[in-house]
Amino acid sequence: MKTKYIIDRGCTSCDECRWLCPVKAISMDLQGAHIDPEKCIGCGVCMNNCPSEAIRPVNPEK
């Protein structure tokens, strides 16, 4: 199973992850960024480029 990612507390709404996501799985609102688990392909680009380190991997439910 591929790794999925979530955005934890600490998101500064910099919008960097949204522009880097190759499948447009990240959206922004007043609370910060959110990853759509259905669209996420598990590439890790968002986590590797998050300046506030607010993105972390999670294991999908079995």
PDB file of N, CA and C in Angstrom:
ATOM      1  N   MET A   1       0.842  -1.183   0.000  1.00  0.00           N
ATOM      2  CA  MET A   1       0.000   0.000   0.000  1.00  0.00           C
ATOM      3  C   MET A   1       0.878   1.234   0.000  1.00  0.00           C
ATOM      4  N   LYS A   2       0.485   2.219  -0.781  1.00  0.00           N
ATOM      5  CA  LYS A   2       1.283   3.428  -0.842  1.00  0.00           C
ATOM      6  C   LYS A   2       1.030   4.329   0.361  1.00  0.00           C
ATOM      7  N   THR A   3       2.004   5.123   0.679  1.00  0.00           N
ATOM      8  CA  THR A   3       1.912   6.043   1.803  1.00  0.00           C
ATOM      9  C   THR A   3       0.997   7.203   1.452  1.00  0.00           C
ATOM     10  N   LYS A   4       0.174   7.574   2.389  1.00  0.00           N
ATOM     11  CA  LYS A   4      -0.659   8.770   2.244  1.00  0.00           C
ATOM     12  C   LYS A   4      -0.155   9.793   3.243  1.00  0.00           C
ATOM     13  N   TYR A   5      -0.535  11.037   3.047  1.00  0.00           N
ATOM     14  CA  TYR A   5      -0.051  12.122   3.890  1.00  0.00           C
ATOM     15  C   TYR A   5      -1.209  12.944   4.427  1.00  0.00           C
ATOM     16  N   ILE A   6      -0.993  13.524   5.608  1.00  0.00           N
ATOM     17  CA  ILE A   6      -1.962  14.448   6.176  1.00  0.00           C
ATOM     18  C   ILE A   6      -1.215  15.706   6.624  1.00  0.00           C
ATOM     19  N   ILE A   7      -1.963  16.777   6.737  1.00  0.00           N
ATOM     20  CA  ILE A   7      -1.395  18.033   7.207  1.00  0.00           C
ATOM     21  C   ILE A   7      -1.820  18.201   8.653  1.00  0.00           C
ATOM     22  N   ASP A   8      -0.828  18.258   9.504  1.00  0.00           N
ATOM     23  CA  ASP A   8      -1.017  18.333  10.940  1.00  0.00           C
ATOM     24  C   ASP A   8      -1.044  19.790  11.388  1.00  0.00           C
ATOM     25  N   ARG A   9      -1.227  19.967  12.675  1.00  0.00           N
ATOM     26  CA  ARG A   9      -1.127  21.320  13.216  1.00  0.00           C
ATOM     27  C   ARG A   9       0.245  21.878  12.871  1.00  0.00           C
ATOM     28  N   GLY A  10       0.305  23.142  12.678  1.00  0.00           N
ATOM     29  CA  GLY A  10       1.576  23.775  12.329  1.00  0.00           C
ATOM     30  C   GLY A  10       1.575  24.327  10.923  1.00  0.00           C
ATOM     31  N   CYS A  11       0.526  24.063  10.163  1.00  0.00           N
ATOM     32  CA  CYS A  11       0.422  24.607   8.812  1.00  0.00           C
ATOM     33  C   CYS A  11       0.344  26.131   8.905  1.00  0.00           C
ATOM     34  N   THR A  12       1.210  26.805   8.166  1.00  0.00           N
ATOM     35  CA  THR A  12       1.238  28.267   8.178  1.00  0.00           C
ATOM     36  C   THR A  12       0.513  28.878   6.985  1.00  0.00           C
ATOM     37  N   SER A  13      -0.169  28.043   6.208  1.00  0.00           N
ATOM     38  CA  SER A  13      -0.915  28.492   5.020  1.00  0.00           C
ATOM     39  C   SER A  13      -0.025  29.181   3.994  1.00  0.00           C
ATOM     40  N   CYS A  14       1.197  28.715   3.873  1.00  0.00           N
ATOM     41  CA  CYS A  14       2.126  29.322   2.909  1.00  0.00           C
ATOM     42  C   CYS A  14       1.740  28.992   1.465  1.00  0.00           C
ATOM     43  N   ASP A  15       0.964  27.913   1.279  1.00  0.00           N
ATOM     44  CA  ASP A  15       0.454  27.515  -0.035  1.00  0.00           C
ATOM     45  C   ASP A  15       1.488  26.806  -0.910  1.00  0.00           C
ATOM     46  N   GLU A  16       2.667  26.568  -0.393  1.00  0.00           N
ATOM     47  CA  GLU A  16       3.729  25.909  -1.167  1.00  0.00           C
ATOM     48  C   GLU A  16       3.306  24.518  -1.618  1.00  0.00           C
ATOM     49  N   CYS A  17       2.751  23.724  -0.706  1.00  0.00           N
ATOM     50  CA  CYS A  17       2.386  22.343  -1.022  1.00  0.00           C
ATOM     51  C   CYS A  17       1.336  22.258  -2.124  1.00  0.00           C
ATOM     52  N   ARG A  18       0.383  23.161  -2.087  1.00  0.00           N
ATOM     53  CA  ARG A  18      -0.701  23.130  -3.074  1.00  0.00           C
ATOM     54  C   ARG A  18      -0.170  23.302  -4.489  1.00  0.00           C
ATOM     55  N   TRP A  19       0.801  24.181  -4.653  1.00  0.00           N
ATOM     56  CA  TRP A  19       1.349  24.428  -5.992  1.00  0.00           C
ATOM     57  C   TRP A  19       2.286  23.322  -6.448  1.00  0.00           C
ATOM     58  N   LEU A  20       2.869  22.593  -5.513  1.00  0.00           N
ATOM     59  CA  LEU A  20       3.804  21.528  -5.880  1.00  0.00           C
ATOM     60  C   LEU A  20       3.146  20.180  -6.117  1.00  0.00           C
ATOM     61  N   CYS A  21       1.953  19.965  -5.603  1.00  0.00           N
ATOM     62  CA  CYS A  21       1.282  18.675  -5.733  1.00  0.00           C
ATOM     63  C   CYS A  21       0.987  18.363  -7.206  1.00  0.00           C
ATOM     64  N   PRO A  22       1.545  17.262  -7.729  1.00  0.00           N
ATOM     65  CA  PRO A  22       1.359  16.950  -9.154  1.00  0.00           C
ATOM     66  C   PRO A  22      -0.059  16.527  -9.527  1.00  0.00           C
ATOM     67  N   VAL A  23      -0.870  16.126  -8.547  1.00  0.00           N
ATOM     68  CA  VAL A  23      -2.233  15.682  -8.856  1.00  0.00           C
ATOM     69  C   VAL A  23      -3.303  16.605  -8.257  1.00  0.00           C
ATOM     70  N   LYS A  24      -2.880  17.768  -7.784  1.00  0.00           N
ATOM     71  CA  LYS A  24      -3.812  18.771  -7.238  1.00  0.00           C
ATOM     72  C   LYS A  24      -4.688  18.194  -6.122  1.00  0.00           C
ATOM     73  N   ALA A  25      -4.059  17.442  -5.206  1.00  0.00           N
ATOM     74  CA  ALA A  25      -4.794  16.818  -4.106  1.00  0.00           C
ATOM     75  C   ALA A  25      -4.899  17.722  -2.882  1.00  0.00           C
ATOM     76  N   ILE A  26      -4.298  18.907  -2.944  1.00  0.00           N
ATOM     77  CA  ILE A  26      -4.267  19.794  -1.780  1.00  0.00           C
ATOM     78  C   ILE A  26      -5.099  21.036  -2.045  1.00  0.00           C
ATOM     79  N   SER A  27      -5.919  21.367  -1.062  1.00  0.00           N
ATOM     80  CA  SER A  27      -6.728  22.588  -1.146  1.00  0.00           C
ATOM     81  C   SER A  27      -6.446  23.439   0.085  1.00  0.00           C
ATOM     82  N   MET A  28      -6.809  24.709  -0.008  1.00  0.00           N
ATOM     83  CA  MET A  28      -6.589  25.641   1.097  1.00  0.00           C
ATOM     84  C   MET A  28      -7.917  26.241   1.521  1.00  0.00           C
ATOM     85  N   ASP A  29      -8.035  26.506   2.841  1.00  0.00           N
ATOM     86  CA  ASP A  29      -9.161  27.276   3.355  1.00  0.00           C
ATOM     87  C   ASP A  29      -8.631  28.119   4.512  1.00  0.00           C
ATOM     88  N   LEU A  30      -9.494  28.711   5.272  1.00  0.00           N
ATOM     89  CA  LEU A  30      -9.060  29.593   6.349  1.00  0.00           C
ATOM     90  C   LEU A  30      -8.286  28.865   7.445  1.00  0.00           C
ATOM     91  N   GLN A  31      -8.468  27.561   7.576  1.00  0.00           N
ATOM     92  CA  GLN A  31      -7.752  26.781   8.584  1.00  0.00           C
ATOM     93  C   GLN A  31      -6.397  26.272   8.083  1.00  0.00           C
ATOM     94  N   GLY A  32      -6.119  26.416   6.823  1.00  0.00           N
ATOM     95  CA  GLY A  32      -4.853  25.957   6.256  1.00  0.00           C
ATOM     96  C   GLY A  32      -5.066  24.980   5.115  1.00  0.00           C
ATOM     97  N   ALA A  33      -4.052  24.178   4.851  1.00  0.00           N
ATOM     98  CA  ALA A  33      -4.079  23.229   3.741  1.00  0.00           C
ATOM     99  C   ALA A  33      -4.715  21.904   4.171  1.00  0.00           C
ATOM    100  N   HIS A  34      -5.310  21.222   3.194  1.00  0.00           N
ATOM    101  CA  HIS A  34      -5.938  19.919   3.425  1.00  0.00           C
ATOM    102  C   HIS A  34      -5.631  19.015   2.240  1.00  0.00           C
ATOM    103  N   ILE A  35      -5.319  17.751   2.508  1.00  0.00           N
ATOM    104  CA  ILE A  35      -5.021  16.785   1.453  1.00  0.00           C
ATOM    105  C   ILE A  35      -6.220  15.875   1.250  1.00  0.00           C
ATOM    106  N   ASP A  36      -6.656  15.742   0.013  1.00  0.00           N
ATOM    107  CA  ASP A  36      -7.744  14.825  -0.341  1.00  0.00           C
ATOM    108  C   ASP A  36      -7.147  13.423  -0.466  1.00  0.00           C
ATOM    109  N   PRO A  37      -7.466  12.513   0.459  1.00  0.00           N
ATOM    110  CA  PRO A  37      -6.856  11.178   0.426  1.00  0.00           C
ATOM    111  C   PRO A  37      -7.218  10.365  -0.819  1.00  0.00           C
ATOM    112  N   GLU A  38      -8.316  10.696  -1.450  1.00  0.00           N
ATOM    113  CA  GLU A  38      -8.712   9.978  -2.672  1.00  0.00           C
ATOM    114  C   GLU A  38      -7.838  10.375  -3.862  1.00  0.00           C
ATOM    115  N   LYS A  39      -7.338  11.594  -3.866  1.00  0.00           N
ATOM    116  CA  LYS A  39      -6.504  12.075  -4.973  1.00  0.00           C
ATOM    117  C   LYS A  39      -5.018  11.849  -4.730  1.00  0.00           C
ATOM    118  N   CYS A  40      -4.609  11.797  -3.455  1.00  0.00           N
ATOM    119  CA  CYS A  40      -3.187  11.682  -3.101  1.00  0.00           C
ATOM    120  C   CYS A  40      -2.593  10.394  -3.673  1.00  0.00           C
ATOM    121  N   ILE A  41      -1.449  10.528  -4.354  1.00  0.00           N
ATOM    122  CA  ILE A  41      -0.778   9.362  -4.926  1.00  0.00           C
ATOM    123  C   ILE A  41       0.410   8.906  -4.082  1.00  0.00           C
ATOM    124  N   GLY A  42       0.665   9.601  -2.976  1.00  0.00           N
ATOM    125  CA  GLY A  42       1.717   9.183  -2.057  1.00  0.00           C
ATOM    126  C   GLY A  42       3.127   9.497  -2.507  1.00  0.00           C
ATOM    127  N   CYS A  43       3.307  10.512  -3.330  1.00  0.00           N
ATOM    128  CA  CYS A  43       4.640  10.824  -3.859  1.00  0.00           C
ATOM    129  C   CYS A  43       5.553  11.493  -2.834  1.00  0.00           C
ATOM    130  N   GLY A  44       4.990  12.200  -1.847  1.00  0.00           N
ATOM    131  CA  GLY A  44       5.792  12.828  -0.808  1.00  0.00           C
ATOM    132  C   GLY A  44       6.340  14.201  -1.140  1.00  0.00           C
ATOM    133  N   VAL A  45       6.017  14.722  -2.312  1.00  0.00           N
ATOM    134  CA  VAL A  45       6.517  16.043  -2.701  1.00  0.00           C
ATOM    135  C   VAL A  45       6.075  17.105  -1.691  1.00  0.00           C
ATOM    136  N   CYS A  46       4.851  17.024  -1.238  1.00  0.00           N
ATOM    137  CA  CYS A  46       4.336  18.006  -0.285  1.00  0.00           C
ATOM    138  C   CYS A  46       5.133  17.973   1.017  1.00  0.00           C
ATOM    139  N   MET A  47       5.330  16.800   1.567  1.00  0.00           N
ATOM    140  CA  MET A  47       6.049  16.664   2.833  1.00  0.00           C
ATOM    141  C   MET A  47       7.498  17.128   2.701  1.00  0.00           C
ATOM    142  N   ASN A  48       8.137  16.755   1.624  1.00  0.00           N
ATOM    143  CA  ASN A  48       9.540  17.097   1.431  1.00  0.00           C
ATOM    144  C   ASN A  48       9.776  18.579   1.198  1.00  0.00           C
ATOM    145  N   ASN A  49       8.741  19.328   0.853  1.00  0.00           N
ATOM    146  CA  ASN A  49       8.895  20.747   0.566  1.00  0.00           C
ATOM    147  C   ASN A  49       8.148  21.659   1.526  1.00  0.00           C
ATOM    148  N   CYS A  50       7.545  21.102   2.569  1.00  0.00           N
ATOM    149  CA  CYS A  50       6.789  21.908   3.527  1.00  0.00           C
ATOM    150  C   CYS A  50       7.757  22.663   4.444  1.00  0.00           C
ATOM    151  N   PRO A  51       7.795  24.002   4.377  1.00  0.00           N
ATOM    152  CA  PRO A  51       8.728  24.749   5.207  1.00  0.00           C
ATOM    153  C   PRO A  51       8.400  24.683   6.700  1.00  0.00           C
ATOM    154  N   SER A  52       7.153  24.414   7.054  1.00  0.00           N
ATOM    155  CA  SER A  52       6.790  24.342   8.475  1.00  0.00           C
ATOM    156  C   SER A  52       6.735  22.903   8.997  1.00  0.00           C
ATOM    157  N   GLU A  53       7.086  21.937   8.143  1.00  0.00           N
ATOM    158  CA  GLU A  53       7.093  20.518   8.497  1.00  0.00           C
ATOM    159  C   GLU A  53       5.767  20.065   9.099  1.00  0.00           C
ATOM    160  N   ALA A  54       4.677  20.551   8.528  1.00  0.00           N
ATOM    161  CA  ALA A  54       3.338  20.238   9.033  1.00  0.00           C
ATOM    162  C   ALA A  54       2.721  19.014   8.361  1.00  0.00           C
ATOM    163  N   ILE A  55       3.401  18.436   7.395  1.00  0.00           N
ATOM    164  CA  ILE A  55       2.857  17.290   6.657  1.00  0.00           C
ATOM    165  C   ILE A  55       3.581  16.030   7.112  1.00  0.00           C
ATOM    166  N   ARG A  56       2.773  14.989   7.395  1.00  0.00           N
ATOM    167  CA  ARG A  56       3.383  13.730   7.846  1.00  0.00           C
ATOM    168  C   ARG A  56       2.693  12.553   7.168  1.00  0.00           C
ATOM    169  N   PRO A  57       3.418  11.449   7.048  1.00  0.00           N
ATOM    170  CA  PRO A  57       2.816  10.251   6.446  1.00  0.00           C
ATOM    171  C   PRO A  57       1.904   9.547   7.433  1.00  0.00           C
ATOM    172  N   VAL A  58       0.891   8.898   6.901  1.00  0.00           N
ATOM    173  CA  VAL A  58      -0.002   8.058   7.693  1.00  0.00           C
ATOM    174  C   VAL A  58      -0.229   6.770   6.933  1.00  0.00           C
ATOM    175  N   ASN A  59      -0.497   5.722   7.646  1.00  0.00           N
ATOM    176  CA  ASN A  59      -0.822   4.444   7.013  1.00  0.00           C
ATOM    177  C   ASN A  59      -2.292   4.407   6.688  1.00  0.00           C
ATOM    178  N   PRO A  60      -2.644   4.038   5.464  1.00  0.00           N
ATOM    179  CA  PRO A  60      -4.055   3.929   5.135  1.00  0.00           C
ATOM    180  C   PRO A  60      -4.723   2.802   5.939  1.00  0.00           C
ATOM    181  N   GLU A  61      -5.999   2.961   6.192  1.00  0.00           N
ATOM    182  CA  GLU A  61      -6.719   1.914   6.910  1.00  0.00           C
ATOM    183  C   GLU A  61      -6.796   0.673   6.055  1.00  0.00           C
ATOM    184  N   LYS A  62      -6.740  -0.469   6.711  1.00  0.00           N
ATOM    185  CA  LYS A  62      -6.769  -1.736   5.972  1.00  0.00           C
ATOM    186  C   LYS A  62      -8.180  -2.242   5.849  1.00  0.00           C
TER     187      LYS A  62
END
